[in-house]
Amino acid sequence: MKLHIGGMEKKEGWKILNIQKNDDREKHVDLVGDISDLTQFDDESIEEVYASHTLEHVKQKNMFKTLKGIHRVLKDGGKFYVSVPDMDILCKLYLDPKINLKNKIEVMRMMYGGQVDEFDFHYFGWNMPLLETFFKDAGFKKFERVKSFSLFNDTSEFSFNGVPISLNVIAYK
């Protein structure tokens, strides 16, 4: 099985796990659940896990447990594709004196979440050194930063004012 956490785009070979299934956007959701609790999946039962702009929604106190849970469900040699807003880039954008107040508010929403519902809050700001540290601590063997996954049409390739804002990494079990 391949698991797309937080997704809504149906793709052959992938099951979609989403935190809610309550409107037309989520009509393709196969399973309801939370990235922080993958107990519905057996150990080493998933080949690949994909999560675009989902990991930042995990509370800091739950982050290690969440990454250990993803590591647990992955088969040996499995891949975790993760995309998160790159806090280093967002900080540079926010501090750029050339951007106006409206743009600063948009960047701030990328940092802290849009906050349109109880799930749309960002609890963690990621950059590559932090991600590497957490991946190592959770047991991942290798990780690489990539420009694009080319798997789904989602926020992993989002740009703001021509600047890509996502940190895209593949972690290997």
C-alpha atoms as a PDB file:
ATOM      1  CA  MET A   1       0.000   0.000   0.000  1.00  0.00           C
ATOM      2  CA  LYS A   2       0.973   3.621  -0.609  1.00  0.00           C
ATOM      3  CA  LEU A   3      -0.521   6.202   1.757  1.00  0.00           C
ATOM      4  CA  HIS A   4      -1.218   9.839   0.924  1.00  0.00           C
ATOM      5  CA  ILE A   5      -1.770  11.686   4.199  1.00  0.00           C
ATOM      6  CA  GLY A   6      -3.829  14.853   3.998  1.00  0.00           C
ATOM      7  CA  GLY A   7      -4.494  14.479   0.303  1.00  0.00           C
ATOM      8  CA  MET A   8      -7.618  14.813  -1.767  1.00  0.00           C
ATOM      9  CA  GLU A   9      -6.395  13.879  -5.246  1.00  0.00           C
ATOM     10  CA  LYS A  10      -7.267  10.322  -6.238  1.00  0.00           C
ATOM     11  CA  LYS A  11      -4.374   8.439  -7.819  1.00  0.00           C
ATOM     12  CA  GLU A  12      -4.155   4.759  -8.695  1.00  0.00           C
ATOM     13  CA  GLY A  13      -2.183   2.754  -6.164  1.00  0.00           C
ATOM     14  CA  TRP A  14      -2.561   5.329  -3.363  1.00  0.00           C
ATOM     15  CA  LYS A  15      -4.963   5.372  -0.409  1.00  0.00           C
ATOM     16  CA  ILE A  16      -5.887   8.765   0.991  1.00  0.00           C
ATOM     17  CA  LEU A  17      -5.916   9.334   4.752  1.00  0.00           C
ATOM     18  CA  ASN A  18      -7.428  12.650   5.813  1.00  0.00           C
ATOM     19  CA  ILE A  19      -8.369  14.092   9.173  1.00  0.00           C
ATOM     20  CA  GLN A  20     -11.900  14.850   7.974  1.00  0.00           C
ATOM     21  CA  LYS A  21     -14.375  13.605   5.415  1.00  0.00           C
ATOM     22  CA  ASN A  22     -17.200  16.065   5.463  1.00  0.00           C
ATOM     23  CA  ASP A  23     -17.534  17.894   2.165  1.00  0.00           C
ATOM     24  CA  ASP A  24     -17.140  17.454  -1.590  1.00  0.00           C
ATOM     25  CA  ARG A  25     -13.404  18.238  -1.519  1.00  0.00           C
ATOM     26  CA  GLU A  26     -12.784  15.141   0.567  1.00  0.00           C
ATOM     27  CA  LYS A  27     -14.968  12.805  -1.483  1.00  0.00           C
ATOM     28  CA  HIS A  28     -11.883  10.813  -2.488  1.00  0.00           C
ATOM     29  CA  VAL A  29     -10.782  10.169   1.097  1.00  0.00           C
ATOM     30  CA  ASP A  30     -10.400   6.431   1.713  1.00  0.00           C
ATOM     31  CA  LEU A  31      -9.584   6.528   5.424  1.00  0.00           C
ATOM     32  CA  VAL A  32     -10.207   9.031   8.173  1.00  0.00           C
ATOM     33  CA  GLY A  33      -7.388   9.528  10.630  1.00  0.00           C
ATOM     34  CA  ASP A  34      -4.607  11.705  11.914  1.00  0.00           C
ATOM     35  CA  ILE A  35      -0.953  11.717  10.856  1.00  0.00           C
ATOM     36  CA  SER A  36      -0.109  11.552  14.579  1.00  0.00           C
ATOM     37  CA  ASP A  37      -1.973   8.288  15.100  1.00  0.00           C
ATOM     38  CA  LEU A  38      -1.322   5.588  12.522  1.00  0.00           C
ATOM     39  CA  THR A  39      -2.330   2.721  14.833  1.00  0.00           C
ATOM     40  CA  GLN A  40      -4.888   1.584  12.252  1.00  0.00           C
ATOM     41  CA  PHE A  41      -1.931   0.363  10.133  1.00  0.00           C
ATOM     42  CA  ASP A  42       0.242  -2.677  10.826  1.00  0.00           C
ATOM     43  CA  ASP A  43       4.007  -2.499  11.259  1.00  0.00           C
ATOM     44  CA  GLU A  44       5.869  -2.389   7.942  1.00  0.00           C
ATOM     45  CA  SER A  45       2.632  -2.449   5.925  1.00  0.00           C
ATOM     46  CA  ILE A  46       3.177   0.598   3.711  1.00  0.00           C
ATOM     47  CA  GLU A  47       5.663   1.062   0.871  1.00  0.00           C
ATOM     48  CA  GLU A  48       5.482   4.838   0.636  1.00  0.00           C
ATOM     49  CA  VAL A  49       3.973   7.653   2.687  1.00  0.00           C
ATOM     50  CA  TYR A  50       3.333  11.057   1.154  1.00  0.00           C
ATOM     51  CA  ALA A  51       2.470  14.149   3.192  1.00  0.00           C
ATOM     52  CA  SER A  52       2.431  17.608   1.628  1.00  0.00           C
ATOM     53  CA  HIS A  53       2.049  20.526   4.018  1.00  0.00           C
ATOM     54  CA  THR A  54       0.700  18.276   6.750  1.00  0.00           C
ATOM     55  CA  LEU A  55       3.584  17.752   9.178  1.00  0.00           C
ATOM     56  CA  GLU A  56       3.585  21.392  10.311  1.00  0.00           C
ATOM     57  CA  HIS A  57       0.054  20.807  11.668  1.00  0.00           C
ATOM     58  CA  VAL A  58       1.422  18.367  14.266  1.00  0.00           C
ATOM     59  CA  LYS A  59       1.850  19.809  17.741  1.00  0.00           C
ATOM     60  CA  GLN A  60       5.464  20.042  18.873  1.00  0.00           C
ATOM     61  CA  LYS A  61       4.921  17.673  21.795  1.00  0.00           C
ATOM     62  CA  ASN A  62       3.663  14.994  19.342  1.00  0.00           C
ATOM     63  CA  MET A  63       6.302  15.362  16.624  1.00  0.00           C
ATOM     64  CA  PHE A  64       8.726  12.607  17.657  1.00  0.00           C
ATOM     65  CA  LYS A  65       5.873  10.132  18.215  1.00  0.00           C
ATOM     66  CA  THR A  66       4.399  11.067  14.840  1.00  0.00           C
ATOM     67  CA  LEU A  67       7.636  10.485  12.942  1.00  0.00           C
ATOM     68  CA  LYS A  68       8.242   7.219  14.826  1.00  0.00           C
ATOM     69  CA  GLY A  69       4.733   6.153  13.809  1.00  0.00           C
ATOM     70  CA  ILE A  70       5.445   6.860  10.147  1.00  0.00           C
ATOM     71  CA  HIS A  71       8.743   4.991  10.427  1.00  0.00           C
ATOM     72  CA  ARG A  72       6.946   2.045  12.063  1.00  0.00           C
ATOM     73  CA  VAL A  73       4.390   1.592   9.286  1.00  0.00           C
ATOM     74  CA  LEU A  74       6.935   1.836   6.466  1.00  0.00           C
ATOM     75  CA  LYS A  75       8.408  -1.355   5.035  1.00  0.00           C
ATOM     76  CA  ASP A  76      12.194  -1.706   5.047  1.00  0.00           C
ATOM     77  CA  GLY A  77      13.500   0.537   2.302  1.00  0.00           C
ATOM     78  CA  GLY A  78      10.216   2.477   2.313  1.00  0.00           C
ATOM     79  CA  LYS A  79      10.052   6.160   1.468  1.00  0.00           C
ATOM     80  CA  PHE A  80       8.489   9.068   3.290  1.00  0.00           C
ATOM     81  CA  TYR A  81       7.865  11.995   0.952  1.00  0.00           C
ATOM     82  CA  VAL A  82       7.381  15.101   3.052  1.00  0.00           C
ATOM     83  CA  SER A  83       6.792  18.676   2.008  1.00  0.00           C
ATOM     84  CA  VAL A  84       6.598  21.483   4.553  1.00  0.00           C
ATOM     85  CA  PRO A  85       6.783  25.262   4.367  1.00  0.00           C
ATOM     86  CA  ASP A  86      10.478  26.174   4.578  1.00  0.00           C
ATOM     87  CA  MET A  87      10.696  28.534   7.544  1.00  0.00           C
ATOM     88  CA  ASP A  88      14.069  29.915   6.408  1.00  0.00           C
ATOM     89  CA  ILE A  89      12.534  31.045   3.113  1.00  0.00           C
ATOM     90  CA  LEU A  90       9.358  32.347   4.751  1.00  0.00           C
ATOM     91  CA  CYS A  91      11.374  34.429   7.241  1.00  0.00           C
ATOM     92  CA  LYS A  92      13.380  35.986   4.418  1.00  0.00           C
ATOM     93  CA  LEU A  93      10.180  36.778   2.544  1.00  0.00           C
ATOM     94  CA  TYR A  94       8.545  38.270   5.631  1.00  0.00           C
ATOM     95  CA  LEU A  95      11.550  40.466   6.385  1.00  0.00           C
ATOM     96  CA  ASP A  96      11.936  41.634   2.785  1.00  0.00           C
ATOM     97  CA  PRO A  97      11.386  45.426   2.914  1.00  0.00           C
ATOM     98  CA  LYS A  98      10.097  45.379  -0.682  1.00  0.00           C
ATOM     99  CA  ILE A  99       6.921  43.414   0.120  1.00  0.00           C
ATOM    100  CA  ASN A 100       3.807  45.251   1.200  1.00  0.00           C
ATOM    101  CA  LEU A 101       1.601  44.630   4.234  1.00  0.00           C
ATOM    102  CA  LYS A 102      -0.881  42.462   2.301  1.00  0.00           C
ATOM    103  CA  ASN A 103       1.972  40.173   1.194  1.00  0.00           C
ATOM    104  CA  LYS A 104       3.391  40.056   4.737  1.00  0.00           C
ATOM    105  CA  ILE A 105       0.002  38.831   5.967  1.00  0.00           C
ATOM    106  CA  GLU A 106      -0.003  36.106   3.284  1.00  0.00           C
ATOM    107  CA  VAL A 107       3.496  35.016   4.327  1.00  0.00           C
ATOM    108  CA  MET A 108       2.429  35.037   7.978  1.00  0.00           C
ATOM    109  CA  ARG A 109      -0.463  32.701   7.082  1.00  0.00           C
ATOM    110  CA  MET A 110       2.036  30.353   5.428  1.00  0.00           C
ATOM    111  CA  MET A 111       4.022  30.404   8.673  1.00  0.00           C
ATOM    112  CA  TYR A 112       1.153  29.925  11.129  1.00  0.00           C
ATOM    113  CA  GLY A 113      -1.592  28.398   8.989  1.00  0.00           C
ATOM    114  CA  GLY A 114      -4.633  29.968   7.427  1.00  0.00           C
ATOM    115  CA  GLN A 115      -6.595  29.283  10.625  1.00  0.00           C
ATOM    116  CA  VAL A 116      -9.870  28.875   8.719  1.00  0.00           C
ATOM    117  CA  ASP A 117     -10.896  25.888  10.883  1.00  0.00           C
ATOM    118  CA  GLU A 118      -9.623  24.003  13.933  1.00  0.00           C
ATOM    119  CA  PHE A 119      -7.201  21.945  11.816  1.00  0.00           C
ATOM    120  CA  ASP A 120      -5.560  24.798   9.883  1.00  0.00           C
ATOM    121  CA  PHE A 121      -2.920  25.816  12.428  1.00  0.00           C
ATOM    122  CA  HIS A 122       0.830  25.375  12.069  1.00  0.00           C
ATOM    123  CA  TYR A 123       2.565  24.281  15.253  1.00  0.00           C
ATOM    124  CA  PHE A 124       6.038  23.730  13.874  1.00  0.00           C
ATOM    125  CA  GLY A 125       8.391  25.717  11.646  1.00  0.00           C
ATOM    126  CA  TRP A 126      10.711  23.517   9.602  1.00  0.00           C
ATOM    127  CA  ASN A 127      14.040  23.950   7.911  1.00  0.00           C
ATOM    128  CA  MET A 128      16.399  21.277   6.600  1.00  0.00           C
ATOM    129  CA  PRO A 129      18.615  20.951   9.722  1.00  0.00           C
ATOM    130  CA  LEU A 130      15.560  20.484  11.971  1.00  0.00           C
ATOM    131  CA  LEU A 131      13.998  17.957   9.621  1.00  0.00           C
ATOM    132  CA  GLU A 132      17.248  15.974   9.393  1.00  0.00           C
ATOM    133  CA  THR A 133      17.590  15.901  13.173  1.00  0.00           C
ATOM    134  CA  PHE A 134      14.035  14.672  13.714  1.00  0.00           C
ATOM    135  CA  PHE A 135      14.355  12.083  10.932  1.00  0.00           C
ATOM    136  CA  LYS A 136      17.580  10.709  12.443  1.00  0.00           C
ATOM    137  CA  ASP A 137      16.002  10.535  15.898  1.00  0.00           C
ATOM    138  CA  ALA A 138      12.975   8.687  14.475  1.00  0.00           C
ATOM    139  CA  GLY A 139      15.199   6.060  12.827  1.00  0.00           C
ATOM    140  CA  PHE A 140      15.310   7.128   9.182  1.00  0.00           C
ATOM    141  CA  LYS A 141      18.586   6.116   7.514  1.00  0.00           C
ATOM    142  CA  LYS A 142      18.916   8.609   4.706  1.00  0.00           C
ATOM    143  CA  PHE A 143      17.189  11.739   3.455  1.00  0.00           C
ATOM    144  CA  GLU A 144      17.517  13.937   0.429  1.00  0.00           C
ATOM    145  CA  ARG A 145      16.117  17.303  -0.503  1.00  0.00           C
ATOM    146  CA  VAL A 146      14.437  17.425  -3.907  1.00  0.00           C
ATOM    147  CA  LYS A 147      12.959  20.228  -5.974  1.00  0.00           C
ATOM    148  CA  SER A 148       9.820  18.265  -6.798  1.00  0.00           C
ATOM    149  CA  PHE A 149       8.220  14.879  -6.199  1.00  0.00           C
ATOM    150  CA  SER A 150       6.095  15.074  -9.366  1.00  0.00           C
ATOM    151  CA  LEU A 151       3.494  12.847  -7.718  1.00  0.00           C
ATOM    152  CA  PHE A 152       0.479  15.024  -6.916  1.00  0.00           C
ATOM    153  CA  ASN A 153      -0.870  18.444  -7.821  1.00  0.00           C
ATOM    154  CA  ASP A 154      -0.540  20.077  -4.409  1.00  0.00           C
ATOM    155  CA  THR A 155       1.278  22.717  -2.374  1.00  0.00           C
ATOM    156  CA  SER A 156       4.685  20.987  -2.583  1.00  0.00           C
ATOM    157  CA  GLU A 157       5.516  23.156  -5.601  1.00  0.00           C
ATOM    158  CA  PHE A 158       3.815  26.341  -4.372  1.00  0.00           C
ATOM    159  CA  SER A 159       5.624  29.621  -5.025  1.00  0.00           C
ATOM    160  CA  PHE A 160       5.028  33.044  -3.538  1.00  0.00           C
ATOM    161  CA  ASN A 161       6.087  35.999  -5.675  1.00  0.00           C
ATOM    162  CA  GLY A 162       8.120  33.585  -7.781  1.00  0.00           C
ATOM    163  CA  VAL A 163       9.909  32.066  -4.772  1.00  0.00           C
ATOM    164  CA  PRO A 164       9.311  28.345  -4.059  1.00  0.00           C
ATOM    165  CA  ILE A 165       8.372  28.104  -0.368  1.00  0.00           C
ATOM    166  CA  SER A 166       8.364  24.343   0.177  1.00  0.00           C
ATOM    167  CA  LEU A 167      11.022  22.136   1.679  1.00  0.00           C
ATOM    168  CA  ASN A 168      10.616  18.810  -0.155  1.00  0.00           C
ATOM    169  CA  VAL A 169      12.466  15.828   1.307  1.00  0.00           C
ATOM    170  CA  ILE A 170      12.455  12.076   0.791  1.00  0.00           C
ATOM    171  CA  ALA A 171      13.363  10.107   3.921  1.00  0.00           C
ATOM    172  CA  TYR A 172      14.262   6.433   3.608  1.00  0.00           C
ATOM    173  CA  LYS A 173      13.682   3.739   6.216  1.00  0.00           C
END
